[in-house]
All heavy atoms as atom14 arrays in JSON, in Angstrom:
{
  "sequence": "FCEAFREFLRERQFTEIHSPKIVATGTEGGAQLFKLNYFGREAFLAQ",
  "atom14_mask": [
    [1, 1, 1, 1, 1, 1, 1, 1, 1, 1, 1, 0, 0, 0],
    [1, 1, 1, 1, 1, 1, 0, 0, 0, 0, 0, 0, 0, 0],
    [1, 1, 1, 1, 1, 1, 1, 1, 1, 0, 0, 0, 0, 0],
    [1, 1, 1, 1, 1, 0, 0, 0, 0, 0, 0, 0, 0, 0],
    [1, 1, 1, 1, 1, 1, 1, 1, 1, 1, 1, 0, 0, 0],
    [1, 1, 1, 1, 1, 1, 1, 1, 1, 1, 1, 0, 0, 0],
    [1, 1, 1, 1, 1, 1, 1, 1, 1, 0, 0, 0, 0, 0],
    [1, 1, 1, 1, 1, 1, 1, 1, 1, 1, 1, 0, 0, 0],
    [1, 1, 1, 1, 1, 1, 1, 1, 0, 0, 0, 0, 0, 0],
    [1, 1, 1, 1, 1, 1, 1, 1, 1, 1, 1, 0, 0, 0],
    [1, 1, 1, 1, 1, 1, 1, 1, 1, 0, 0, 0, 0, 0],
    [1, 1, 1, 1, 1, 1, 1, 1, 1, 1, 1, 0, 0, 0],
    [1, 1, 1, 1, 1, 1, 1, 1, 1, 0, 0, 0, 0, 0],
    [1, 1, 1, 1, 1, 1, 1, 1, 1, 1, 1, 0, 0, 0],
    [1, 1, 1, 1, 1, 1, 1, 0, 0, 0, 0, 0, 0, 0],
    [1, 1, 1, 1, 1, 1, 1, 1, 1, 0, 0, 0, 0, 0],
    [1, 1, 1, 1, 1, 1, 1, 1, 0, 0, 0, 0, 0, 0],
    [1, 1, 1, 1, 1, 1, 1, 1, 1, 1, 0, 0, 0, 0],
    [1, 1, 1, 1, 1, 1, 0, 0, 0, 0, 0, 0, 0, 0],
    [1, 1, 1, 1, 1, 1, 1, 0, 0, 0, 0, 0, 0, 0],
    [1, 1, 1, 1, 1, 1, 1, 1, 1, 0, 0, 0, 0, 0],
    [1, 1, 1, 1, 1, 1, 1, 1, 0, 0, 0, 0, 0, 0],
    [1, 1, 1, 1, 1, 1, 1, 0, 0, 0, 0, 0, 0, 0],
    [1, 1, 1, 1, 1, 0, 0, 0, 0, 0, 0, 0, 0, 0],
    [1, 1, 1, 1, 1, 1, 1, 0, 0, 0, 0, 0, 0, 0],
    [1, 1, 1, 1, 0, 0, 0, 0, 0, 0, 0, 0, 0, 0],
    [1, 1, 1, 1, 1, 1, 1, 0, 0, 0, 0, 0, 0, 0],
    [1, 1, 1, 1, 1, 1, 1, 1, 1, 0, 0, 0, 0, 0],
    [1, 1, 1, 1, 0, 0, 0, 0, 0, 0, 0, 0, 0, 0],
    [1, 1, 1, 1, 0, 0, 0, 0, 0, 0, 0, 0, 0, 0],
    [1, 1, 1, 1, 1, 0, 0, 0, 0, 0, 0, 0, 0, 0],
    [1, 1, 1, 1, 1, 1, 1, 1, 1, 0, 0, 0, 0, 0],
    [1, 1, 1, 1, 1, 1, 1, 1, 0, 0, 0, 0, 0, 0],
    [1, 1, 1, 1, 1, 1, 1, 1, 1, 1, 1, 0, 0, 0],
    [1, 1, 1, 1, 1, 1, 1, 1, 1, 0, 0, 0, 0, 0],
    [1, 1, 1, 1, 1, 1, 1, 1, 0, 0, 0, 0, 0, 0],
    [1, 1, 1, 1, 1, 1, 1, 1, 0, 0, 0, 0, 0, 0],
    [1, 1, 1, 1, 1, 1, 1, 1, 1, 1, 1, 1, 0, 0],
    [1, 1, 1, 1, 1, 1, 1, 1, 1, 1, 1, 0, 0, 0],
    [1, 1, 1, 1, 0, 0, 0, 0, 0, 0, 0, 0, 0, 0],
    [1, 1, 1, 1, 1, 1, 1, 1, 1, 1, 1, 0, 0, 0],
    [1, 1, 1, 1, 1, 1, 1, 1, 1, 0, 0, 0, 0, 0],
    [1, 1, 1, 1, 1, 0, 0, 0, 0, 0, 0, 0, 0, 0],
    [1, 1, 1, 1, 1, 1, 1, 1, 1, 1, 1, 0, 0, 0],
    [1, 1, 1, 1, 1, 1, 1, 1, 0, 0, 0, 0, 0, 0],
    [1, 1, 1, 1, 1, 0, 0, 0, 0, 0, 0, 0, 0, 0],
    [1, 1, 1, 1, 1, 1, 1, 1, 1, 0, 0, 0, 0, 0]
  ],
  "atom14_positions": [
    [[-14.13, -13.24, -47.77], [-14.39, -11.8, -47.73], [-15.35, -11.47, -46.58], [-15.12, -10.53, -45.82], [-15.01, -11.32, -49.05], [-14.01, -10.88, -50.09], [-14.18, -11.22, -51.44], [-12.91, -10.09, -49.76], [-13.28, -10.81, -52.41], [-12.0, -9.67, -50.73], [-12.19, -10.03, -52.05], [0.0, 0.0, 0.0], [0.0, 0.0, 0.0], [0.0, 0.0, 0.0]],
    [[-16.42, -12.25, -46.47], [-17.41, -12.01, -45.41], [-16.81, -12.25, -44.03], [-17.06, -11.49, -43.08], [-18.63, -12.9, -45.62], [-19.64, -12.47, -47.06], [0.0, 0.0, 0.0], [0.0, 0.0, 0.0], [0.0, 0.0, 0.0], [0.0, 0.0, 0.0], [0.0, 0.0, 0.0], [0.0, 0.0, 0.0], [0.0, 0.0, 0.0], [0.0, 0.0, 0.0]],
    [[-16.04, -13.31, -43.91], [-15.39, -13.62, -42.64], [-14.46, -12.48, -42.21], [-14.46, -12.05, -41.05], [-14.6, -14.92, -42.78], [-13.82, -15.34, -41.55], [-12.92, -16.53, -41.8], [-13.09, -17.22, -42.84], [-12.03, -16.78, -40.97], [0.0, 0.0, 0.0], [0.0, 0.0, 0.0], [0.0, 0.0, 0.0], [0.0, 0.0, 0.0], [0.0, 0.0, 0.0]],
    [[-13.69, -11.96, -43.16], [-12.75, -10.88, -42.86], [-13.49, -9.59, -42.52], [-13.07, -8.83, -41.63], [-11.82, -10.66, -44.04], [0.0, 0.0, 0.0], [0.0, 0.0, 0.0], [0.0, 0.0, 0.0], [0.0, 0.0, 0.0], [0.0, 0.0, 0.0], [0.0, 0.0, 0.0], [0.0, 0.0, 0.0], [0.0, 0.0, 0.0], [0.0, 0.0, 0.0]],
    [[-14.57, -9.32, -43.22], [-15.4, -8.15, -42.97], [-15.91, -8.17, -41.53], [-15.78, -7.19, -40.78], [-16.56, -8.17, -43.97], [-17.55, -7.04, -43.87], [-17.29, -5.82, -44.46], [-18.76, -7.22, -43.22], [-18.22, -4.79, -44.4], [-19.7, -6.2, -43.15], [-19.43, -4.98, -43.75], [0.0, 0.0, 0.0], [0.0, 0.0, 0.0], [0.0, 0.0, 0.0]],
    [[-16.47, -9.3, -41.13], [-16.98, -9.45, -39.76], [-15.85, -9.33, -38.74], [-15.98, -8.64, -37.72], [-17.67, -10.8, -39.59], [-19.02, -10.91, -40.23], [-19.72, -12.21, -39.82], [-21.09, -12.23, -40.26], [-21.53, -12.85, -41.36], [-20.66, -13.53, -42.12], [-22.8, -12.81, -41.69], [0.0, 0.0, 0.0], [0.0, 0.0, 0.0], [0.0, 0.0, 0.0]],
    [[-14.76, -10.0, -39.0], [-13.63, -10.03, -38.07], [-13.1, -8.62, -37.81], [-12.91, -8.21, -36.66], [-12.53, -10.9, -38.67], [-11.25, -11.01, -37.88], [-10.23, -11.86, -38.62], [-9.63, -11.36, -39.6], [-10.05, -13.02, -38.24], [0.0, 0.0, 0.0], [0.0, 0.0, 0.0], [0.0, 0.0, 0.0], [0.0, 0.0, 0.0], [0.0, 0.0, 0.0]],
    [[-12.89, -7.86, -38.87], [-12.35, -6.51, -38.74], [-13.28, -5.62, -37.92], [-12.84, -4.87, -37.04], [-12.14, -5.92, -40.14], [-11.63, -4.51, -40.16], [-10.27, -4.25, -40.19], [-12.51, -3.43, -40.16], [-9.78, -2.95, -40.21], [-12.04, -2.11, -40.17], [-10.68, -1.88, -40.21], [0.0, 0.0, 0.0], [0.0, 0.0, 0.0], [0.0, 0.0, 0.0]],
    [[-14.57, -5.67, -38.22], [-15.52, -4.77, -37.57], [-15.78, -5.17, -36.12], [-15.91, -4.3, -35.24], [-16.81, -4.71, -38.37], [-16.66, -4.06, -39.76], [-17.91, -4.28, -40.59], [-16.35, -2.57, -39.64], [0.0, 0.0, 0.0], [0.0, 0.0, 0.0], [0.0, 0.0, 0.0], [0.0, 0.0, 0.0], [0.0, 0.0, 0.0], [0.0, 0.0, 0.0]],
    [[-15.86, -6.45, -35.85], [-16.07, -6.88, -34.46], [-14.91, -6.45, -33.57], [-15.12, -6.11, -32.4], [-16.24, -8.4, -34.41], [-17.63, -8.86, -34.86], [-17.71, -10.36, -34.96], [-19.05, -10.8, -35.33], [-19.32, -11.96, -35.91], [-18.32, -12.82, -36.18], [-20.56, -12.29, -36.2], [0.0, 0.0, 0.0], [0.0, 0.0, 0.0], [0.0, 0.0, 0.0]],
    [[-13.7, -6.48, -34.12], [-12.53, -6.04, -33.34], [-12.6, -4.56, -33.01], [-11.9, -4.09, -32.11], [-11.25, -6.33, -34.13], [-10.88, -7.81, -34.18], [-9.66, -8.06, -35.05], [-9.15, -7.08, -35.68], [-9.21, -9.22, -35.1], [0.0, 0.0, 0.0], [0.0, 0.0, 0.0], [0.0, 0.0, 0.0], [0.0, 0.0, 0.0], [0.0, 0.0, 0.0]],
    [[-13.47, -3.83, -33.72], [-13.61, -2.39, -33.49], [-14.97, -2.04, -32.89], [-15.49, -0.95, -33.07], [-13.37, -1.64, -34.81], [-11.89, -1.65, -35.19], [-11.67, -1.43, -36.66], [-10.23, -1.45, -36.96], [-9.5, -2.57, -37.07], [-10.09, -3.76, -36.93], [-8.21, -2.51, -37.33], [0.0, 0.0, 0.0], [0.0, 0.0, 0.0], [0.0, 0.0, 0.0]],
    [[-15.53, -2.97, -32.15], [-16.76, -2.8, -31.38], [-18.01, -2.53, -32.22], [-18.96, -1.88, -31.77], [-16.6, -1.66, -30.34], [-15.67, -1.97, -29.18], [-14.21, -1.93, -29.56], [-13.74, -0.93, -30.1], [-13.48, -3.01, -29.29], [0.0, 0.0, 0.0], [0.0, 0.0, 0.0], [0.0, 0.0, 0.0], [0.0, 0.0, 0.0], [0.0, 0.0, 0.0]],
    [[-18.01, -3.03, -33.45], [-19.23, -3.0, -34.25], [-20.08, -4.21, -33.9], [-19.56, -5.31, -33.65], [-18.91, -3.01, -35.74], [-18.45, -1.69, -36.3], [-17.15, -1.25, -36.09], [-19.32, -0.88, -37.01], [-16.71, -0.03, -36.61], [-18.88, 0.34, -37.54], [-17.58, 0.76, -37.33], [0.0, 0.0, 0.0], [0.0, 0.0, 0.0], [0.0, 0.0, 0.0]],
    [[-21.41, -4.04, -33.93], [-22.35, -5.12, -33.63], [-23.08, -5.52, -34.91], [-23.57, -4.65, -35.64], [-23.38, -4.67, -32.58], [-22.69, -4.28, -31.39], [-24.35, -5.8, -32.25], [0.0, 0.0, 0.0], [0.0, 0.0, 0.0], [0.0, 0.0, 0.0], [0.0, 0.0, 0.0], [0.0, 0.0, 0.0], [0.0, 0.0, 0.0], [0.0, 0.0, 0.0]],
    [[-23.17, -6.82, -35.18], [-23.9, -7.28, -36.36], [-25.4, -7.22, -36.11], [-25.88, -7.63, -35.06], [-23.49, -8.72, -36.71], [-24.12, -9.23, -37.99], [-23.5, -10.51, -38.52], [-22.69, -11.12, -37.81], [-23.82, -10.89, -39.66], [0.0, 0.0, 0.0], [0.0, 0.0, 0.0], [0.0, 0.0, 0.0], [0.0, 0.0, 0.0], [0.0, 0.0, 0.0]],
    [[-26.15, -6.71, -37.09], [-27.6, -6.63, -36.98], [-28.24, -7.36, -38.16], [-27.57, -7.71, -39.14], [-28.09, -5.16, -36.95], [-27.68, -4.41, -38.24], [-27.55, -4.44, -35.71], [-28.31, -3.03, -38.39], [0.0, 0.0, 0.0], [0.0, 0.0, 0.0], [0.0, 0.0, 0.0], [0.0, 0.0, 0.0], [0.0, 0.0, 0.0], [0.0, 0.0, 0.0]],
    [[-29.55, -7.56, -38.06], [-30.31, -8.23, -39.12], [-31.62, -7.47, -39.29], [-32.54, -7.62, -38.5], [-30.58, -9.7, -38.75], [-29.32, -10.45, -38.43], [-28.46, -10.92, -39.4], [-28.76, -10.77, -37.25], [-27.44, -11.52, -38.82], [-27.59, -11.43, -37.52], [0.0, 0.0, 0.0], [0.0, 0.0, 0.0], [0.0, 0.0, 0.0], [0.0, 0.0, 0.0]],
    [[-31.68, -6.66, -40.32], [-32.84, -5.78, -40.52], [-33.87, -6.43, -41.44], [-33.57, -7.35, -42.2], [-32.36, -4.45, -41.11], [-31.78, -4.64, -42.39], [0.0, 0.0, 0.0], [0.0, 0.0, 0.0], [0.0, 0.0, 0.0], [0.0, 0.0, 0.0], [0.0, 0.0, 0.0], [0.0, 0.0, 0.0], [0.0, 0.0, 0.0], [0.0, 0.0, 0.0]],
    [[-35.13, -5.93, -41.39], [-36.2, -6.5, -42.23], [-35.94, -6.29, -43.72], [-35.33, -5.29, -44.11], [-37.43, -5.71, -41.8], [-37.09, -5.08, -40.51], [-35.61, -4.87, -40.52], [0.0, 0.0, 0.0], [0.0, 0.0, 0.0], [0.0, 0.0, 0.0], [0.0, 0.0, 0.0], [0.0, 0.0, 0.0], [0.0, 0.0, 0.0], [0.0, 0.0, 0.0]],
    [[-36.4, -7.24, -44.51], [-36.29, -7.11, -45.96], [-37.65, -6.83, -46.6], [-37.73, -6.64, -47.82], [-35.68, -8.38, -46.57], [-34.27, -8.65, -46.04], [-33.31, -7.52, -46.31], [-32.05, -7.62, -45.49], [-31.71, -6.4, -44.77], [0.0, 0.0, 0.0], [0.0, 0.0, 0.0], [0.0, 0.0, 0.0], [0.0, 0.0, 0.0], [0.0, 0.0, 0.0]],
    [[-38.72, -6.82, -45.8], [-40.03, -6.36, -46.25], [-40.27, -5.02, -45.57], [-40.26, -4.93, -44.34], [-41.14, -7.35, -45.87], [-40.9, -8.71, -46.55], [-42.51, -6.8, -46.27], [-41.87, -9.78, -46.13], [0.0, 0.0, 0.0], [0.0, 0.0, 0.0], [0.0, 0.0, 0.0], [0.0, 0.0, 0.0], [0.0, 0.0, 0.0], [0.0, 0.0, 0.0]],
    [[-40.44, -3.96, -46.36], [-40.51, -2.61, -45.8], [-41.72, -1.87, -46.36], [-42.27, -2.23, -47.41], [-39.22, -1.83, -46.1], [-38.03, -2.49, -45.43], [-38.98, -1.7, -47.6], [0.0, 0.0, 0.0], [0.0, 0.0, 0.0], [0.0, 0.0, 0.0], [0.0, 0.0, 0.0], [0.0, 0.0, 0.0], [0.0, 0.0, 0.0], [0.0, 0.0, 0.0]],
    [[-42.12, -0.81, -45.63], [-43.29, -0.03, -46.03], [-42.93, 1.1, -46.98], [-43.78, 1.57, -47.75], [-43.97, 0.54, -44.79], [0.0, 0.0, 0.0], [0.0, 0.0, 0.0], [0.0, 0.0, 0.0], [0.0, 0.0, 0.0], [0.0, 0.0, 0.0], [0.0, 0.0, 0.0], [0.0, 0.0, 0.0], [0.0, 0.0, 0.0], [0.0, 0.0, 0.0]],
    [[-41.68, 1.56, -46.93], [-41.23, 2.64, -47.83], [-39.84, 2.31, -48.34], [-39.09, 1.57, -47.7], [-41.17, 4.0, -47.1], [-40.32, 3.88, -45.96], [-42.54, 4.45, -46.67], [0.0, 0.0, 0.0], [0.0, 0.0, 0.0], [0.0, 0.0, 0.0], [0.0, 0.0, 0.0], [0.0, 0.0, 0.0], [0.0, 0.0, 0.0], [0.0, 0.0, 0.0]],
    [[-39.47, 2.9, -49.47], [-38.14, 2.7, -50.02], [-37.17, 3.72, -49.47], [-37.55, 4.85, -49.17], [0.0, 0.0, 0.0], [0.0, 0.0, 0.0], [0.0, 0.0, 0.0], [0.0, 0.0, 0.0], [0.0, 0.0, 0.0], [0.0, 0.0, 0.0], [0.0, 0.0, 0.0], [0.0, 0.0, 0.0], [0.0, 0.0, 0.0], [0.0, 0.0, 0.0]],
    [[-35.93, 3.33, -49.35], [-34.91, 4.26, -48.86], [-34.57, 5.31, -49.9], [-34.22, 6.43, -49.56], [-33.62, 3.52, -48.47], [-33.18, 2.76, -49.59], [-33.85, 2.6, -47.3], [0.0, 0.0, 0.0], [0.0, 0.0, 0.0], [0.0, 0.0, 0.0], [0.0, 0.0, 0.0], [0.0, 0.0, 0.0], [0.0, 0.0, 0.0], [0.0, 0.0, 0.0]],
    [[-34.67, 4.93, -51.16], [-34.31, 5.85, -52.24], [-35.47, 6.14, -53.17], [-35.39, 7.01, -54.02], [-33.1, 5.29, -53.01], [-31.87, 5.16, -52.13], [-30.75, 4.4, -52.81], [-30.67, 4.44, -54.04], [-29.94, 3.78, -52.1], [0.0, 0.0, 0.0], [0.0, 0.0, 0.0], [0.0, 0.0, 0.0], [0.0, 0.0, 0.0], [0.0, 0.0, 0.0]],
    [[-36.57, 5.38, -53.01], [-37.76, 5.63, -53.8], [-37.56, 5.34, -55.28], [-36.66, 4.62, -55.68], [0.0, 0.0, 0.0], [0.0, 0.0, 0.0], [0.0, 0.0, 0.0], [0.0, 0.0, 0.0], [0.0, 0.0, 0.0], [0.0, 0.0, 0.0], [0.0, 0.0, 0.0], [0.0, 0.0, 0.0], [0.0, 0.0, 0.0], [0.0, 0.0, 0.0]],
    [[-38.43, 5.94, -56.09], [-38.28, 5.81, -57.53], [-38.72, 4.45, -58.05], [-39.41, 3.68, -57.39], [0.0, 0.0, 0.0], [0.0, 0.0, 0.0], [0.0, 0.0, 0.0], [0.0, 0.0, 0.0], [0.0, 0.0, 0.0], [0.0, 0.0, 0.0], [0.0, 0.0, 0.0], [0.0, 0.0, 0.0], [0.0, 0.0, 0.0], [0.0, 0.0, 0.0]],
    [[-38.29, 4.17, -59.28], [-38.72, 2.96, -59.97], [-37.91, 1.73, -59.58], [-38.13, 0.65, -60.11], [-38.64, 3.17, -61.48], [0.0, 0.0, 0.0], [0.0, 0.0, 0.0], [0.0, 0.0, 0.0], [0.0, 0.0, 0.0], [0.0, 0.0, 0.0], [0.0, 0.0, 0.0], [0.0, 0.0, 0.0], [0.0, 0.0, 0.0], [0.0, 0.0, 0.0]],
    [[-36.96, 1.89, -58.66], [-36.09, 0.77, -58.31], [-36.68, -0.12, -57.21], [-35.99, -0.96, -56.65], [-34.72, 1.27, -57.87], [-33.94, 1.93, -58.99], [-32.54, 2.32, -58.56], [-32.2, 2.31, -57.39], [-31.7, 2.65, -59.52], [0.0, 0.0, 0.0], [0.0, 0.0, 0.0], [0.0, 0.0, 0.0], [0.0, 0.0, 0.0], [0.0, 0.0, 0.0]],
    [[-37.95, 0.07, -56.9], [-38.6, -0.7, -55.82], [-39.37, -1.89, -56.37], [-40.13, -1.76, -57.33], [-39.55, 0.2, -55.05], [-38.92, 1.21, -54.08], [-39.94, 2.27, -53.69], [-38.39, 0.51, -52.85], [0.0, 0.0, 0.0], [0.0, 0.0, 0.0], [0.0, 0.0, 0.0], [0.0, 0.0, 0.0], [0.0, 0.0, 0.0], [0.0, 0.0, 0.0]],
    [[-39.2, -3.04, -55.76], [-40.04, -4.2, -56.05], [-41.26, -4.16, -55.12], [-41.12, -4.21, -53.89], [-39.27, -5.51, -55.79], [-38.3, -5.86, -56.87], [-36.93, -5.81, -56.63], [-38.73, -6.26, -58.13], [-36.02, -6.14, -57.61], [-37.82, -6.6, -59.12], [-36.47, -6.54, -58.87], [0.0, 0.0, 0.0], [0.0, 0.0, 0.0], [0.0, 0.0, 0.0]],
    [[-42.44, -4.04, -55.71], [-43.66, -3.99, -54.91], [-44.17, -5.41, -54.63], [-43.97, -6.33, -55.43], [-44.75, -3.21, -55.64], [-44.44, -1.74, -55.82], [-45.58, -1.02, -56.52], [-45.25, 0.45, -56.73], [-46.35, 1.16, -57.43], [0.0, 0.0, 0.0], [0.0, 0.0, 0.0], [0.0, 0.0, 0.0], [0.0, 0.0, 0.0], [0.0, 0.0, 0.0]],
    [[-44.84, -5.57, -53.49], [-45.48, -6.85, -53.19], [-46.73, -6.61, -52.37], [-46.91, -5.55, -51.75], [-44.52, -7.8, -52.47], [-43.84, -7.34, -51.18], [-44.69, -7.7, -49.97], [-42.47, -7.99, -51.05], [0.0, 0.0, 0.0], [0.0, 0.0, 0.0], [0.0, 0.0, 0.0], [0.0, 0.0, 0.0], [0.0, 0.0, 0.0], [0.0, 0.0, 0.0]],
    [[-47.62, -7.59, -52.39], [-48.88, -7.53, -51.64], [-48.64, -8.09, -50.25], [-48.33, -9.26, -50.1], [-49.96, -8.34, -52.38], [-51.32, -8.22, -51.72], [-51.43, -8.14, -50.49], [-52.36, -8.23, -52.52], [0.0, 0.0, 0.0], [0.0, 0.0, 0.0], [0.0, 0.0, 0.0], [0.0, 0.0, 0.0], [0.0, 0.0, 0.0], [0.0, 0.0, 0.0]],
    [[-48.77, -7.25, -49.25], [-48.54, -7.68, -47.86], [-49.88, -7.66, -47.13], [-50.27, -6.66, -46.54], [-47.53, -6.74, -47.19], [-47.03, -7.24, -45.85], [-46.15, -8.31, -45.76], [-47.45, -6.63, -44.67], [-45.68, -8.75, -44.55], [-46.98, -7.07, -43.44], [-46.1, -8.14, -43.39], [-45.64, -8.58, -42.16], [0.0, 0.0, 0.0], [0.0, 0.0, 0.0]],
    [[-50.6, -8.77, -47.23], [-51.92, -8.91, -46.58], [-52.85, -7.76, -46.98], [-53.51, -7.13, -46.14], [-51.79, -8.97, -45.05], [-50.92, -10.1, -44.58], [-49.64, -9.86, -44.11], [-51.39, -11.41, -44.62], [-48.83, -10.91, -43.69], [-50.59, -12.47, -44.2], [-49.32, -12.21, -43.73], [0.0, 0.0, 0.0], [0.0, 0.0, 0.0], [0.0, 0.0, 0.0]],
    [[-52.88, -7.47, -48.28], [-53.77, -6.45, -48.79], [-53.19, -5.05, -48.78], [-53.82, -4.11, -49.28], [0.0, 0.0, 0.0], [0.0, 0.0, 0.0], [0.0, 0.0, 0.0], [0.0, 0.0, 0.0], [0.0, 0.0, 0.0], [0.0, 0.0, 0.0], [0.0, 0.0, 0.0], [0.0, 0.0, 0.0], [0.0, 0.0, 0.0], [0.0, 0.0, 0.0]],
    [[-52.01, -4.89, -48.21], [-51.35, -3.58, -48.19], [-50.14, -3.61, -49.12], [-49.56, -4.65, -49.35], [-50.9, -3.21, -46.77], [-52.05, -2.89, -45.82], [-51.52, -2.69, -44.41], [-51.09, -3.96, -43.83], [-50.39, -4.05, -42.7], [-49.98, -2.97, -42.09], [-50.05, -5.24, -42.22], [0.0, 0.0, 0.0], [0.0, 0.0, 0.0], [0.0, 0.0, 0.0]],
    [[-49.77, -2.43, -49.61], [-48.59, -2.34, -50.47], [-47.32, -2.34, -49.62], [-47.22, -1.61, -48.63], [-48.66, -1.07, -51.3], [-47.54, -0.95, -52.33], [-47.69, 0.28, -53.21], [-47.49, 1.39, -52.69], [-48.0, 0.12, -54.4], [0.0, 0.0, 0.0], [0.0, 0.0, 0.0], [0.0, 0.0, 0.0], [0.0, 0.0, 0.0], [0.0, 0.0, 0.0]],
    [[-46.39, -3.17, -50.01], [-45.09, -3.21, -49.34], [-44.01, -3.35, -50.41], [-44.31, -3.47, -51.61], [-45.02, -4.38, -48.35], [0.0, 0.0, 0.0], [0.0, 0.0, 0.0], [0.0, 0.0, 0.0], [0.0, 0.0, 0.0], [0.0, 0.0, 0.0], [0.0, 0.0, 0.0], [0.0, 0.0, 0.0], [0.0, 0.0, 0.0], [0.0, 0.0, 0.0]],
    [[-42.76, -3.33, -49.98], [-41.64, -3.36, -50.92], [-40.53, -4.25, -50.38], [-40.41, -4.44, -49.17], [-41.07, -1.95, -51.15], [-42.1, -0.93, -51.54], [-42.72, -0.16, -50.57], [-42.47, -0.76, -52.86], [-43.67, 0.79, -50.91], [-43.42, 0.18, -53.22], [-44.03, 0.95, -52.25], [0.0, 0.0, 0.0], [0.0, 0.0, 0.0], [0.0, 0.0, 0.0]],
    [[-39.69, -4.76, -51.29], [-38.45, -5.41, -50.89], [-37.41, -4.32, -50.64], [-37.34, -3.35, -51.39], [-37.96, -6.36, -51.98], [-38.83, -7.6, -52.23], [-38.24, -8.43, -53.38], [-38.95, -8.45, -50.99], [0.0, 0.0, 0.0], [0.0, 0.0, 0.0], [0.0, 0.0, 0.0], [0.0, 0.0, 0.0], [0.0, 0.0, 0.0], [0.0, 0.0, 0.0]],
    [[-36.62, -4.5, -49.59], [-35.69, -3.44, -49.16], [-34.6, -3.2, -50.2], [-33.93, -4.13, -50.65], [-35.06, -3.81, -47.83], [0.0, 0.0, 0.0], [0.0, 0.0, 0.0], [0.0, 0.0, 0.0], [0.0, 0.0, 0.0], [0.0, 0.0, 0.0], [0.0, 0.0, 0.0], [0.0, 0.0, 0.0], [0.0, 0.0, 0.0], [0.0, 0.0, 0.0]],
    [[-34.41, -1.92, -50.56], [-33.31, -1.52, -51.44], [-31.98, -1.55, -50.71], [-30.92, -1.67, -51.32], [-33.55, -0.11, -51.96], [-34.72, 0.04, -52.9], [-35.0, 1.52, -53.17], [-35.2, 2.29, -52.24], [-35.01, 1.9, -54.43], [0.0, 0.0, 0.0], [0.0, 0.0, 0.0], [0.0, 0.0, 0.0], [0.0, 0.0, 0.0], [0.0, 0.0, 0.0]]
  ]
}
């Protein structure tokens, strides 16, 4: 499935990216955020 996903999109000029999984804010907010201590600051795992 992953191989086919990549293959299809690359053929259509899509570029694969790798975004951070430790973030300062949630994309959707609310109670669905996992909080963590990031060197004394509040951070979250990416939704």
